[in-house]
Amino acid sequence: MIRYTYICQRVLDLYRLLPKLQFPISIADTISVLPNCRIMSYQEFAKLNHCDLEQVILLCESKSGCTHYDIFQNRYLILYNASTAENNNAGRQLWTCGHEIGHIQCEHMAQSVYTKLAENGFQRISDVQFEAEADYFAATYLCPFPICRELNIISPSDIQKHFGLSTEASEIRFQKYMEWRRSHRKTAWENDIRNLFRRSTQ
């Protein structure tokens, strides 16, 4: 079962650490407030380790991204593919990084390290719940519904413009947003996010 309330709180906690809450979310700003986390592109990693991109993809078991967890030092390294080939546009890269940050913020690696740590030390989460939670975190962190309402979002293109998601992700998020507007009840979490955003835009 996805821990919706827990994940929303983790998103809010991370927002509070940011120097300024603005969208699209800056992954660099996010990483800067996580003292035990670094980020590097596949291309940078390949150059640093004198290998090619295909070897990095094989190592990570993913064409888009993965997270390495150093259990002994409790440190994380997010790797993501910065190539725009195969429709891996900026929006998709943003989602990949948000997804990997979700794994970290939800402490998935720490929970599964003894059973899911790959031979080369790279974490490939296969647990369905972990993947669903990381996706929910990414969606909420990158494009929170209270801010959609604050910005008067009325179309998928508005979401793409304000939050930097891909066309596909923007369409899905907009559909979810319309469902949320029809059924949600105001919460303290929503008020806290809106207040943070309003203070950042003053």
N, C-alpha and C. Protein backbone atom coordinates (compact mmCIF):
# COMPACT_ATOMS: atom_id res chain seq x y z
N MET A 1 0.83 -1.20 0.00
CA MET A 1 0.00 0.00 0.00
C MET A 1 0.88 1.26 0.00
N ILE A 2 0.59 2.18 -0.91
CA ILE A 2 1.37 3.41 -0.99
C ILE A 2 1.10 4.29 0.23
N ARG A 3 2.14 4.83 0.81
CA ARG A 3 2.04 5.67 2.00
C ARG A 3 1.82 7.13 1.58
N TYR A 4 0.63 7.42 1.12
CA TYR A 4 0.34 8.73 0.56
C TYR A 4 0.61 9.87 1.54
N THR A 5 0.09 9.75 2.75
CA THR A 5 0.25 10.82 3.74
C THR A 5 1.72 11.02 4.09
N TYR A 6 2.43 9.92 4.27
CA TYR A 6 3.85 9.98 4.59
C TYR A 6 4.63 10.68 3.48
N ILE A 7 4.34 10.32 2.24
CA ILE A 7 5.06 10.90 1.10
C ILE A 7 4.76 12.39 0.97
N CYS A 8 3.52 12.77 1.16
CA CYS A 8 3.17 14.20 1.11
C CYS A 8 3.94 14.98 2.17
N GLN A 9 4.09 14.40 3.33
CA GLN A 9 4.83 15.07 4.40
C GLN A 9 6.31 15.18 4.03
N ARG A 10 6.85 14.14 3.40
CA ARG A 10 8.25 14.17 2.97
C ARG A 10 8.46 15.27 1.93
N VAL A 11 7.49 15.44 1.04
CA VAL A 11 7.56 16.51 0.05
C VAL A 11 7.58 17.87 0.75
N LEU A 12 6.67 18.06 1.68
CA LEU A 12 6.61 19.32 2.41
C LEU A 12 7.90 19.58 3.18
N ASP A 13 8.44 18.56 3.82
CA ASP A 13 9.69 18.71 4.56
C ASP A 13 10.82 19.16 3.63
N LEU A 14 10.86 18.60 2.43
CA LEU A 14 11.90 18.97 1.48
C LEU A 14 11.68 20.38 0.95
N TYR A 15 10.45 20.74 0.69
CA TYR A 15 10.15 22.12 0.28
C TYR A 15 10.67 23.12 1.31
N ARG A 16 10.50 22.80 2.57
CA ARG A 16 10.91 23.72 3.64
C ARG A 16 12.42 23.92 3.69
N LEU A 17 13.17 22.97 3.15
CA LEU A 17 14.62 23.09 3.13
C LEU A 17 15.13 23.95 1.99
N LEU A 18 14.33 24.09 0.95
CA LEU A 18 14.76 24.83 -0.23
C LEU A 18 14.90 26.32 0.07
N PRO A 19 15.91 26.97 -0.52
CA PRO A 19 16.06 28.42 -0.30
C PRO A 19 14.86 29.20 -0.83
N LYS A 20 14.22 28.66 -1.88
CA LYS A 20 13.04 29.30 -2.46
C LYS A 20 12.21 28.24 -3.17
N LEU A 21 10.90 28.26 -2.94
CA LEU A 21 10.02 27.28 -3.60
C LEU A 21 9.55 27.87 -4.92
N GLN A 22 10.14 27.40 -6.01
CA GLN A 22 9.76 27.88 -7.33
C GLN A 22 9.72 26.71 -8.30
N PHE A 23 8.99 26.90 -9.38
CA PHE A 23 8.78 25.85 -10.36
C PHE A 23 9.15 26.34 -11.75
N PRO A 24 9.68 25.44 -12.61
CA PRO A 24 9.97 24.03 -12.32
C PRO A 24 10.97 23.89 -11.18
N ILE A 25 10.82 22.82 -10.45
CA ILE A 25 11.72 22.53 -9.35
C ILE A 25 13.15 22.42 -9.88
N SER A 26 14.09 23.01 -9.16
CA SER A 26 15.50 22.88 -9.51
C SER A 26 16.08 21.66 -8.83
N ILE A 27 16.49 20.67 -9.62
CA ILE A 27 17.09 19.47 -9.04
C ILE A 27 18.40 19.82 -8.35
N ALA A 28 19.15 20.75 -8.91
CA ALA A 28 20.41 21.17 -8.30
C ALA A 28 20.17 21.76 -6.91
N ASP A 29 19.15 22.60 -6.78
CA ASP A 29 18.82 23.18 -5.47
C ASP A 29 18.40 22.09 -4.50
N THR A 30 17.65 21.11 -5.00
CA THR A 30 17.20 20.02 -4.14
C THR A 30 18.38 19.22 -3.62
N ILE A 31 19.29 18.85 -4.51
CA ILE A 31 20.45 18.07 -4.10
C ILE A 31 21.31 18.86 -3.12
N SER A 32 21.36 20.18 -3.29
CA SER A 32 22.21 21.00 -2.42
C SER A 32 21.76 20.99 -0.97
N VAL A 33 20.48 20.67 -0.71
CA VAL A 33 20.00 20.65 0.67
C VAL A 33 19.95 19.23 1.25
N LEU A 34 20.43 18.27 0.47
CA LEU A 34 20.51 16.89 0.94
C LEU A 34 21.99 16.56 1.14
N PRO A 35 22.50 16.68 2.36
CA PRO A 35 23.94 16.59 2.60
C PRO A 35 24.58 15.25 2.25
N ASN A 36 23.79 14.19 2.19
CA ASN A 36 24.36 12.88 1.89
C ASN A 36 24.01 12.40 0.48
N CYS A 37 23.74 13.35 -0.40
CA CYS A 37 23.30 13.00 -1.74
C CYS A 37 24.04 13.82 -2.80
N ARG A 38 24.48 13.13 -3.87
CA ARG A 38 25.09 13.78 -5.02
C ARG A 38 24.37 13.32 -6.27
N ILE A 39 24.55 14.08 -7.35
CA ILE A 39 23.94 13.71 -8.62
C ILE A 39 24.96 13.87 -9.73
N MET A 40 24.89 12.98 -10.72
CA MET A 40 25.84 13.01 -11.83
C MET A 40 25.16 12.39 -13.04
N SER A 41 25.44 12.92 -14.21
CA SER A 41 24.87 12.33 -15.42
C SER A 41 25.63 11.05 -15.79
N TYR A 42 24.98 10.21 -16.55
CA TYR A 42 25.65 9.01 -17.07
C TYR A 42 26.91 9.41 -17.83
N GLN A 43 26.80 10.50 -18.57
CA GLN A 43 27.90 10.94 -19.42
C GLN A 43 29.11 11.37 -18.57
N GLU A 44 28.84 12.10 -17.49
CA GLU A 44 29.92 12.50 -16.58
C GLU A 44 30.54 11.27 -15.93
N PHE A 45 29.69 10.34 -15.51
CA PHE A 45 30.17 9.13 -14.85
C PHE A 45 31.03 8.30 -15.80
N ALA A 46 30.60 8.21 -17.06
CA ALA A 46 31.36 7.44 -18.05
C ALA A 46 32.74 8.06 -18.26
N LYS A 47 32.79 9.38 -18.38
CA LYS A 47 34.06 10.06 -18.58
C LYS A 47 34.98 9.88 -17.38
N LEU A 48 34.41 10.00 -16.19
CA LEU A 48 35.19 9.88 -14.96
C LEU A 48 35.78 8.48 -14.80
N ASN A 49 35.03 7.47 -15.27
CA ASN A 49 35.45 6.08 -15.09
C ASN A 49 35.99 5.45 -16.37
N HIS A 50 36.24 6.28 -17.38
CA HIS A 50 36.86 5.83 -18.63
C HIS A 50 36.12 4.65 -19.26
N CYS A 51 34.80 4.82 -19.37
CA CYS A 51 33.99 3.79 -20.01
C CYS A 51 32.99 4.48 -20.94
N ASP A 52 32.21 3.70 -21.67
CA ASP A 52 31.25 4.33 -22.58
C ASP A 52 29.85 4.30 -21.98
N LEU A 53 28.93 5.00 -22.65
CA LEU A 53 27.57 5.15 -22.14
C LEU A 53 26.87 3.81 -21.99
N GLU A 54 27.05 2.93 -22.94
CA GLU A 54 26.39 1.62 -22.88
C GLU A 54 26.81 0.83 -21.65
N GLN A 55 28.06 0.96 -21.26
CA GLN A 55 28.52 0.26 -20.05
C GLN A 55 27.85 0.81 -18.80
N VAL A 56 27.63 2.13 -18.78
CA VAL A 56 26.95 2.75 -17.63
C VAL A 56 25.49 2.28 -17.58
N ILE A 57 24.85 2.21 -18.74
CA ILE A 57 23.46 1.75 -18.80
C ILE A 57 23.36 0.31 -18.31
N LEU A 58 24.30 -0.52 -18.71
CA LEU A 58 24.32 -1.92 -18.25
C LEU A 58 24.55 -1.98 -16.75
N LEU A 59 25.45 -1.16 -16.27
CA LEU A 59 25.76 -1.13 -14.84
C LEU A 59 24.55 -0.73 -14.02
N CYS A 60 23.83 0.28 -14.52
CA CYS A 60 22.67 0.80 -13.80
C CYS A 60 21.40 -0.01 -14.08
N GLU A 61 21.46 -0.86 -15.09
CA GLU A 61 20.29 -1.66 -15.48
C GLU A 61 19.11 -0.76 -15.84
N SER A 62 19.39 0.42 -16.38
CA SER A 62 18.35 1.36 -16.76
C SER A 62 18.90 2.34 -17.78
N LYS A 63 18.08 2.67 -18.78
CA LYS A 63 18.49 3.68 -19.76
C LYS A 63 18.28 5.10 -19.25
N SER A 64 17.51 5.23 -18.17
CA SER A 64 17.15 6.58 -17.72
C SER A 64 17.86 7.02 -16.44
N GLY A 65 17.91 6.17 -15.41
CA GLY A 65 18.55 6.58 -14.17
C GLY A 65 18.55 5.51 -13.11
N CYS A 66 19.34 5.72 -12.08
CA CYS A 66 19.40 4.79 -10.95
C CYS A 66 20.04 5.53 -9.77
N THR A 67 20.03 4.88 -8.62
CA THR A 67 20.65 5.46 -7.43
C THR A 67 21.56 4.44 -6.77
N HIS A 68 22.75 4.85 -6.49
CA HIS A 68 23.72 4.03 -5.77
C HIS A 68 23.68 4.42 -4.30
N TYR A 69 23.63 3.41 -3.44
CA TYR A 69 23.59 3.66 -2.00
C TYR A 69 24.81 3.04 -1.35
N ASP A 70 25.58 3.86 -0.67
CA ASP A 70 26.72 3.39 0.10
C ASP A 70 26.24 3.13 1.52
N ILE A 71 26.00 1.87 1.83
CA ILE A 71 25.43 1.50 3.12
C ILE A 71 26.33 1.89 4.28
N PHE A 72 27.63 1.85 4.09
CA PHE A 72 28.55 2.09 5.20
C PHE A 72 28.65 3.57 5.56
N GLN A 73 28.53 4.43 4.56
CA GLN A 73 28.62 5.87 4.83
C GLN A 73 27.26 6.57 4.74
N ASN A 74 26.22 5.80 4.45
CA ASN A 74 24.87 6.35 4.30
C ASN A 74 24.88 7.52 3.32
N ARG A 75 25.42 7.25 2.13
CA ARG A 75 25.50 8.27 1.10
C ARG A 75 24.86 7.76 -0.19
N TYR A 76 24.28 8.69 -0.96
CA TYR A 76 23.59 8.34 -2.19
C TYR A 76 24.23 9.06 -3.38
N LEU A 77 24.24 8.37 -4.52
CA LEU A 77 24.65 8.98 -5.77
C LEU A 77 23.58 8.69 -6.81
N ILE A 78 22.91 9.74 -7.26
CA ILE A 78 21.91 9.60 -8.32
C ILE A 78 22.61 9.74 -9.66
N LEU A 79 22.35 8.81 -10.55
CA LEU A 79 22.86 8.89 -11.91
C LEU A 79 21.67 8.98 -12.85
N TYR A 80 21.77 9.85 -13.85
CA TYR A 80 20.68 9.98 -14.82
C TYR A 80 21.25 10.18 -16.21
N ASN A 81 20.51 9.77 -17.21
CA ASN A 81 20.95 9.88 -18.59
C ASN A 81 20.61 11.27 -19.13
N ALA A 82 21.62 12.06 -19.44
CA ALA A 82 21.41 13.42 -19.92
C ALA A 82 21.27 13.50 -21.44
N SER A 83 21.32 12.35 -22.10
CA SER A 83 21.13 12.34 -23.55
C SER A 83 19.66 12.56 -23.88
N THR A 84 19.39 13.30 -24.95
CA THR A 84 18.01 13.51 -25.38
C THR A 84 17.59 12.50 -26.45
N ALA A 85 18.42 11.50 -26.71
CA ALA A 85 18.07 10.46 -27.67
C ALA A 85 16.89 9.65 -27.16
N GLU A 86 16.16 9.03 -28.07
CA GLU A 86 15.01 8.18 -27.74
C GLU A 86 13.98 8.93 -26.90
N ASN A 87 13.76 10.19 -27.24
CA ASN A 87 12.74 11.01 -26.59
C ASN A 87 12.99 11.23 -25.10
N ASN A 88 14.24 11.15 -24.71
CA ASN A 88 14.59 11.39 -23.31
C ASN A 88 14.80 12.90 -23.11
N ASN A 89 13.69 13.65 -23.27
CA ASN A 89 13.76 15.11 -23.23
C ASN A 89 13.96 15.62 -21.80
N ALA A 90 14.07 16.95 -21.68
CA ALA A 90 14.32 17.56 -20.37
C ALA A 90 13.24 17.22 -19.36
N GLY A 91 11.99 17.15 -19.81
CA GLY A 91 10.90 16.79 -18.91
C GLY A 91 11.04 15.39 -18.36
N ARG A 92 11.43 14.46 -19.22
CA ARG A 92 11.64 13.08 -18.77
C ARG A 92 12.82 12.99 -17.81
N GLN A 93 13.87 13.75 -18.10
CA GLN A 93 15.02 13.74 -17.20
C GLN A 93 14.66 14.31 -15.83
N LEU A 94 13.84 15.35 -15.84
CA LEU A 94 13.37 15.93 -14.58
C LEU A 94 12.59 14.90 -13.78
N TRP A 95 11.71 14.16 -14.46
CA TRP A 95 10.92 13.12 -13.78
C TRP A 95 11.83 12.03 -13.22
N THR A 96 12.81 11.61 -14.02
CA THR A 96 13.74 10.58 -13.56
C THR A 96 14.43 11.00 -12.28
N CYS A 97 14.92 12.24 -12.25
CA CYS A 97 15.62 12.72 -11.05
C CYS A 97 14.66 12.83 -9.87
N GLY A 98 13.43 13.29 -10.12
CA GLY A 98 12.43 13.35 -9.05
C GLY A 98 12.10 11.98 -8.51
N HIS A 99 12.02 11.01 -9.40
CA HIS A 99 11.73 9.62 -9.02
C HIS A 99 12.85 9.07 -8.13
N GLU A 100 14.09 9.32 -8.53
CA GLU A 100 15.22 8.81 -7.74
C GLU A 100 15.31 9.51 -6.38
N ILE A 101 15.04 10.80 -6.36
CA ILE A 101 14.99 11.51 -5.07
C ILE A 101 13.89 10.92 -4.20
N GLY A 102 12.79 10.51 -4.84
CA GLY A 102 11.70 9.86 -4.11
C GLY A 102 12.14 8.59 -3.42
N HIS A 103 12.93 7.78 -4.11
CA HIS A 103 13.45 6.56 -3.49
C HIS A 103 14.26 6.90 -2.24
N ILE A 104 15.05 7.96 -2.34
CA ILE A 104 15.89 8.36 -1.21
C ILE A 104 15.05 8.90 -0.06
N GLN A 105 14.14 9.81 -0.37
CA GLN A 105 13.32 10.43 0.66
C GLN A 105 12.38 9.43 1.35
N CYS A 106 11.99 8.41 0.62
CA CYS A 106 11.13 7.37 1.20
C CYS A 106 11.95 6.26 1.86
N GLU A 107 13.28 6.41 1.83
CA GLU A 107 14.20 5.48 2.49
C GLU A 107 14.07 4.06 1.96
N HIS A 108 13.84 3.91 0.67
CA HIS A 108 13.70 2.59 0.08
C HIS A 108 14.99 1.79 0.10
N MET A 109 16.11 2.46 -0.17
CA MET A 109 17.38 1.74 -0.20
C MET A 109 17.73 1.17 1.17
N ALA A 110 17.52 1.98 2.18
CA ALA A 110 17.84 1.53 3.54
C ALA A 110 16.97 0.34 3.94
N GLN A 111 15.74 0.30 3.44
CA GLN A 111 14.83 -0.79 3.77
C GLN A 111 15.16 -2.07 3.02
N SER A 112 15.77 -1.93 1.84
CA SER A 112 15.93 -3.11 1.00
C SER A 112 17.39 -3.48 0.72
N VAL A 113 18.32 -2.79 1.35
CA VAL A 113 19.71 -2.93 0.99
C VAL A 113 20.23 -4.37 1.07
N TYR A 114 19.75 -5.15 2.02
CA TYR A 114 20.29 -6.49 2.19
C TYR A 114 19.77 -7.48 1.15
N THR A 115 18.69 -7.15 0.50
CA THR A 115 18.12 -8.08 -0.47
C THR A 115 18.14 -7.57 -1.90
N LYS A 116 18.36 -6.26 -2.08
CA LYS A 116 18.24 -5.72 -3.42
C LYS A 116 19.48 -4.97 -3.90
N LEU A 117 20.56 -5.02 -3.19
CA LEU A 117 21.76 -4.35 -3.64
C LEU A 117 22.40 -5.16 -4.75
N ALA A 118 22.56 -4.53 -5.92
CA ALA A 118 23.11 -5.23 -7.08
C ALA A 118 24.57 -5.58 -6.86
N GLU A 119 25.07 -6.48 -7.67
CA GLU A 119 26.44 -6.96 -7.53
C GLU A 119 27.46 -5.84 -7.59
N ASN A 120 27.23 -4.87 -8.46
CA ASN A 120 28.16 -3.76 -8.64
C ASN A 120 27.90 -2.61 -7.68
N GLY A 121 26.95 -2.80 -6.75
CA GLY A 121 26.67 -1.76 -5.78
C GLY A 121 25.60 -0.79 -6.22
N PHE A 122 25.01 -0.99 -7.40
CA PHE A 122 23.96 -0.09 -7.87
C PHE A 122 22.60 -0.67 -7.58
N GLN A 123 21.77 0.20 -7.03
CA GLN A 123 20.45 -0.22 -6.56
C GLN A 123 19.44 -0.19 -7.70
N ARG A 124 18.83 -1.31 -7.98
CA ARG A 124 17.74 -1.35 -8.94
C ARG A 124 16.50 -1.84 -8.21
N ILE A 125 15.65 -0.93 -7.84
CA ILE A 125 14.46 -1.27 -7.07
C ILE A 125 13.47 -2.00 -7.97
N SER A 126 13.08 -3.20 -7.58
CA SER A 126 12.11 -3.94 -8.37
C SER A 126 10.79 -4.09 -7.64
N ASP A 127 10.77 -3.72 -6.37
CA ASP A 127 9.56 -3.84 -5.59
C ASP A 127 8.49 -2.90 -6.15
N VAL A 128 7.33 -3.45 -6.45
CA VAL A 128 6.26 -2.67 -7.07
C VAL A 128 5.83 -1.50 -6.20
N GLN A 129 5.73 -1.72 -4.91
CA GLN A 129 5.32 -0.63 -4.01
C GLN A 129 6.36 0.48 -4.01
N PHE A 130 7.63 0.14 -3.96
CA PHE A 130 8.68 1.15 -3.96
C PHE A 130 8.61 1.99 -5.23
N GLU A 131 8.40 1.35 -6.37
CA GLU A 131 8.32 2.08 -7.63
C GLU A 131 7.11 3.02 -7.64
N ALA A 132 5.99 2.52 -7.15
CA ALA A 132 4.77 3.33 -7.10
C ALA A 132 4.96 4.52 -6.16
N GLU A 133 5.62 4.30 -5.04
CA GLU A 133 5.85 5.39 -4.09
C GLU A 133 6.80 6.43 -4.68
N ALA A 134 7.84 5.98 -5.39
CA ALA A 134 8.77 6.92 -6.00
C ALA A 134 8.08 7.75 -7.08
N ASP A 135 7.19 7.13 -7.82
CA ASP A 135 6.42 7.86 -8.84
C ASP A 135 5.48 8.88 -8.20
N TYR A 136 4.82 8.46 -7.11
CA TYR A 136 3.91 9.38 -6.42
C TYR A 136 4.69 10.56 -5.83
N PHE A 137 5.86 10.28 -5.29
CA PHE A 137 6.70 11.35 -4.77
C PHE A 137 7.08 12.31 -5.89
N ALA A 138 7.55 11.77 -7.02
CA ALA A 138 7.97 12.61 -8.14
C ALA A 138 6.82 13.50 -8.61
N ALA A 139 5.65 12.91 -8.76
CA ALA A 139 4.49 13.68 -9.23
C ALA A 139 4.14 14.80 -8.26
N THR A 140 4.12 14.48 -6.98
CA THR A 140 3.74 15.45 -5.96
C THR A 140 4.80 16.52 -5.79
N TYR A 141 6.06 16.13 -5.84
CA TYR A 141 7.16 17.08 -5.65
C TYR A 141 7.32 18.01 -6.83
N LEU A 142 7.22 17.46 -8.03
CA LEU A 142 7.45 18.26 -9.23
C LEU A 142 6.24 19.09 -9.63
N CYS A 143 5.04 18.60 -9.30
CA CYS A 143 3.82 19.27 -9.74
C CYS A 143 2.71 19.09 -8.70
N PRO A 144 2.80 19.79 -7.58
CA PRO A 144 1.81 19.62 -6.51
C PRO A 144 0.48 20.28 -6.86
N PHE A 145 -0.60 19.59 -6.59
CA PHE A 145 -1.92 20.11 -6.94
C PHE A 145 -2.26 21.45 -6.29
N PRO A 146 -1.89 21.69 -5.02
CA PRO A 146 -2.20 23.01 -4.45
C PRO A 146 -1.57 24.16 -5.24
N ILE A 147 -0.40 23.92 -5.81
CA ILE A 147 0.24 24.97 -6.61
C ILE A 147 -0.41 25.07 -7.98
N CYS A 148 -0.91 23.95 -8.50
CA CYS A 148 -1.68 24.00 -9.75
C CYS A 148 -2.88 24.93 -9.58
N ARG A 149 -3.54 24.80 -8.45
CA ARG A 149 -4.70 25.67 -8.17
C ARG A 149 -4.24 27.12 -8.00
N GLU A 150 -3.14 27.31 -7.33
CA GLU A 150 -2.61 28.65 -7.10
C GLU A 150 -2.28 29.34 -8.43
N LEU A 151 -1.83 28.56 -9.39
CA LEU A 151 -1.42 29.11 -10.69
C LEU A 151 -2.55 29.09 -11.72
N ASN A 152 -3.73 28.68 -11.28
CA ASN A 152 -4.90 28.63 -12.17
C ASN A 152 -4.65 27.77 -13.41
N ILE A 153 -4.12 26.57 -13.19
CA ILE A 153 -3.86 25.64 -14.28
C ILE A 153 -5.17 25.21 -14.93
N ILE A 154 -5.24 25.31 -16.26
CA ILE A 154 -6.49 24.94 -16.95
C ILE A 154 -6.25 23.97 -18.10
N SER A 155 -5.01 23.54 -18.31
CA SER A 155 -4.73 22.63 -19.42
C SER A 155 -3.41 21.89 -19.20
N PRO A 156 -3.20 20.78 -19.91
CA PRO A 156 -1.91 20.08 -19.83
C PRO A 156 -0.74 20.98 -20.24
N SER A 157 -0.98 21.86 -21.22
CA SER A 157 0.11 22.74 -21.66
C SER A 157 0.51 23.72 -20.56
N ASP A 158 -0.44 24.09 -19.70
CA ASP A 158 -0.12 24.95 -18.55
C ASP A 158 0.83 24.21 -17.60
N ILE A 159 0.54 22.94 -17.40
CA ILE A 159 1.40 22.14 -16.51
C ILE A 159 2.80 22.04 -17.09
N GLN A 160 2.87 21.78 -18.39
CA GLN A 160 4.18 21.67 -19.03
C GLN A 160 4.94 22.99 -18.92
N LYS A 161 4.25 24.09 -19.10
CA LYS A 161 4.87 25.41 -19.05
C LYS A 161 5.38 25.75 -17.66
N HIS A 162 4.56 25.52 -16.64
CA HIS A 162 4.92 25.94 -15.28
C HIS A 162 5.80 24.95 -14.54
N PHE A 163 5.64 23.65 -14.83
CA PHE A 163 6.33 22.63 -14.04
C PHE A 163 7.41 21.86 -14.79
N GLY A 164 7.49 22.06 -16.10
CA GLY A 164 8.58 21.47 -16.87
C GLY A 164 8.47 19.99 -17.15
N LEU A 165 7.28 19.42 -16.98
CA LEU A 165 7.11 17.99 -17.25
C LEU A 165 7.03 17.74 -18.75
N SER A 166 7.21 16.48 -19.15
CA SER A 166 7.07 16.11 -20.55
C SER A 166 5.61 16.24 -20.97
N THR A 167 5.37 16.21 -22.26
CA THR A 167 4.00 16.29 -22.77
C THR A 167 3.14 15.18 -22.20
N GLU A 168 3.66 13.97 -22.23
CA GLU A 168 2.90 12.82 -21.73
C GLU A 168 2.61 12.94 -20.24
N ALA A 169 3.62 13.27 -19.46
CA ALA A 169 3.44 13.40 -18.01
C ALA A 169 2.50 14.55 -17.68
N SER A 170 2.55 15.62 -18.46
CA SER A 170 1.67 16.77 -18.23
C SER A 170 0.21 16.41 -18.45
N GLU A 171 -0.04 15.61 -19.48
CA GLU A 171 -1.41 15.19 -19.76
C GLU A 171 -1.95 14.31 -18.64
N ILE A 172 -1.13 13.38 -18.17
CA ILE A 172 -1.54 12.49 -17.08
C ILE A 172 -1.76 13.29 -15.79
N ARG A 173 -0.83 14.20 -15.51
CA ARG A 173 -0.94 14.98 -14.28
C ARG A 173 -2.16 15.88 -14.32
N PHE A 174 -2.48 16.43 -15.48
CA PHE A 174 -3.65 17.29 -15.59
C PHE A 174 -4.93 16.51 -15.33
N GLN A 175 -5.02 15.29 -15.86
CA GLN A 175 -6.18 14.44 -15.61
C GLN A 175 -6.33 14.17 -14.12
N LYS A 176 -5.20 13.86 -13.45
CA LYS A 176 -5.23 13.61 -12.01
C LYS A 176 -5.63 14.87 -11.25
N TYR A 177 -5.16 16.00 -11.73
CA TYR A 177 -5.49 17.26 -11.08
C TYR A 177 -6.98 17.55 -11.13
N MET A 178 -7.60 17.29 -12.27
CA MET A 178 -9.04 17.51 -12.41
C MET A 178 -9.82 16.58 -11.49
N GLU A 179 -9.35 15.35 -11.35
CA GLU A 179 -9.99 14.41 -10.41
C GLU A 179 -9.84 14.92 -8.99
N TRP A 180 -8.66 15.41 -8.67
CA TRP A 180 -8.40 15.94 -7.32
C TRP A 180 -9.31 17.12 -7.01
N ARG A 181 -9.51 18.01 -7.95
CA ARG A 181 -10.36 19.18 -7.74
C ARG A 181 -11.81 18.79 -7.46
N ARG A 182 -12.25 17.70 -8.08
CA ARG A 182 -13.64 17.27 -7.88
C ARG A 182 -13.86 16.59 -6.54
N SER A 183 -12.82 16.00 -5.98
CA SER A 183 -13.04 15.14 -4.81
C SER A 183 -12.29 15.53 -3.54
N HIS A 184 -11.29 16.40 -3.64
CA HIS A 184 -10.45 16.60 -2.46
C HIS A 184 -11.10 17.52 -1.42
N ARG A 185 -10.59 17.38 -0.19
CA ARG A 185 -10.96 18.28 0.89
C ARG A 185 -9.68 18.98 1.34
N LYS A 186 -9.82 20.25 1.68
CA LYS A 186 -8.65 21.02 2.09
C LYS A 186 -8.00 20.41 3.32
N THR A 187 -6.66 20.45 3.32
CA THR A 187 -5.91 19.91 4.43
C THR A 187 -4.88 20.94 4.89
N ALA A 188 -4.32 20.69 6.07
CA ALA A 188 -3.26 21.56 6.58
C ALA A 188 -2.04 21.48 5.66
N TRP A 189 -1.79 20.30 5.09
CA TRP A 189 -0.67 20.11 4.17
C TRP A 189 -0.80 21.04 2.96
N GLU A 190 -1.99 21.10 2.41
CA GLU A 190 -2.24 21.98 1.27
C GLU A 190 -1.99 23.44 1.64
N ASN A 191 -2.49 23.86 2.78
CA ASN A 191 -2.30 25.24 3.22
C ASN A 191 -0.83 25.57 3.43
N ASP A 192 -0.10 24.62 4.01
CA ASP A 192 1.33 24.84 4.26
C ASP A 192 2.09 25.03 2.94
N ILE A 193 1.78 24.23 1.95
CA ILE A 193 2.46 24.33 0.66
C ILE A 193 2.13 25.67 -0.02
N ARG A 194 0.87 26.03 0.01
CA ARG A 194 0.47 27.29 -0.62
C ARG A 194 1.13 28.48 0.08
N ASN A 195 1.22 28.42 1.40
CA ASN A 195 1.84 29.53 2.13
C ASN A 195 3.34 29.62 1.82
N LEU A 196 4.00 28.48 1.72
CA LEU A 196 5.43 28.47 1.36
C LEU A 196 5.63 29.10 -0.02
N PHE A 197 4.77 28.71 -0.95
CA PHE A 197 4.88 29.22 -2.31
C PHE A 197 4.60 30.72 -2.35
N ARG A 198 3.58 31.15 -1.65
CA ARG A 198 3.25 32.57 -1.64
C ARG A 198 4.38 33.41 -1.06
N ARG A 199 5.02 32.91 0.00
CA ARG A 199 6.13 33.65 0.59
C ARG A 199 7.30 33.72 -0.39
N SER A 200 7.49 32.66 -1.18
CA SER A 200 8.59 32.62 -2.14
C SER A 200 8.39 33.56 -3.31
N THR A 201 7.13 33.89 -3.59
CA THR A 201 6.85 34.73 -4.75
C THR A 201 6.65 36.20 -4.39
N GLN A 202 6.77 36.50 -3.11
CA GLN A 202 6.60 37.90 -2.67
C GLN A 202 7.83 38.74 -2.99
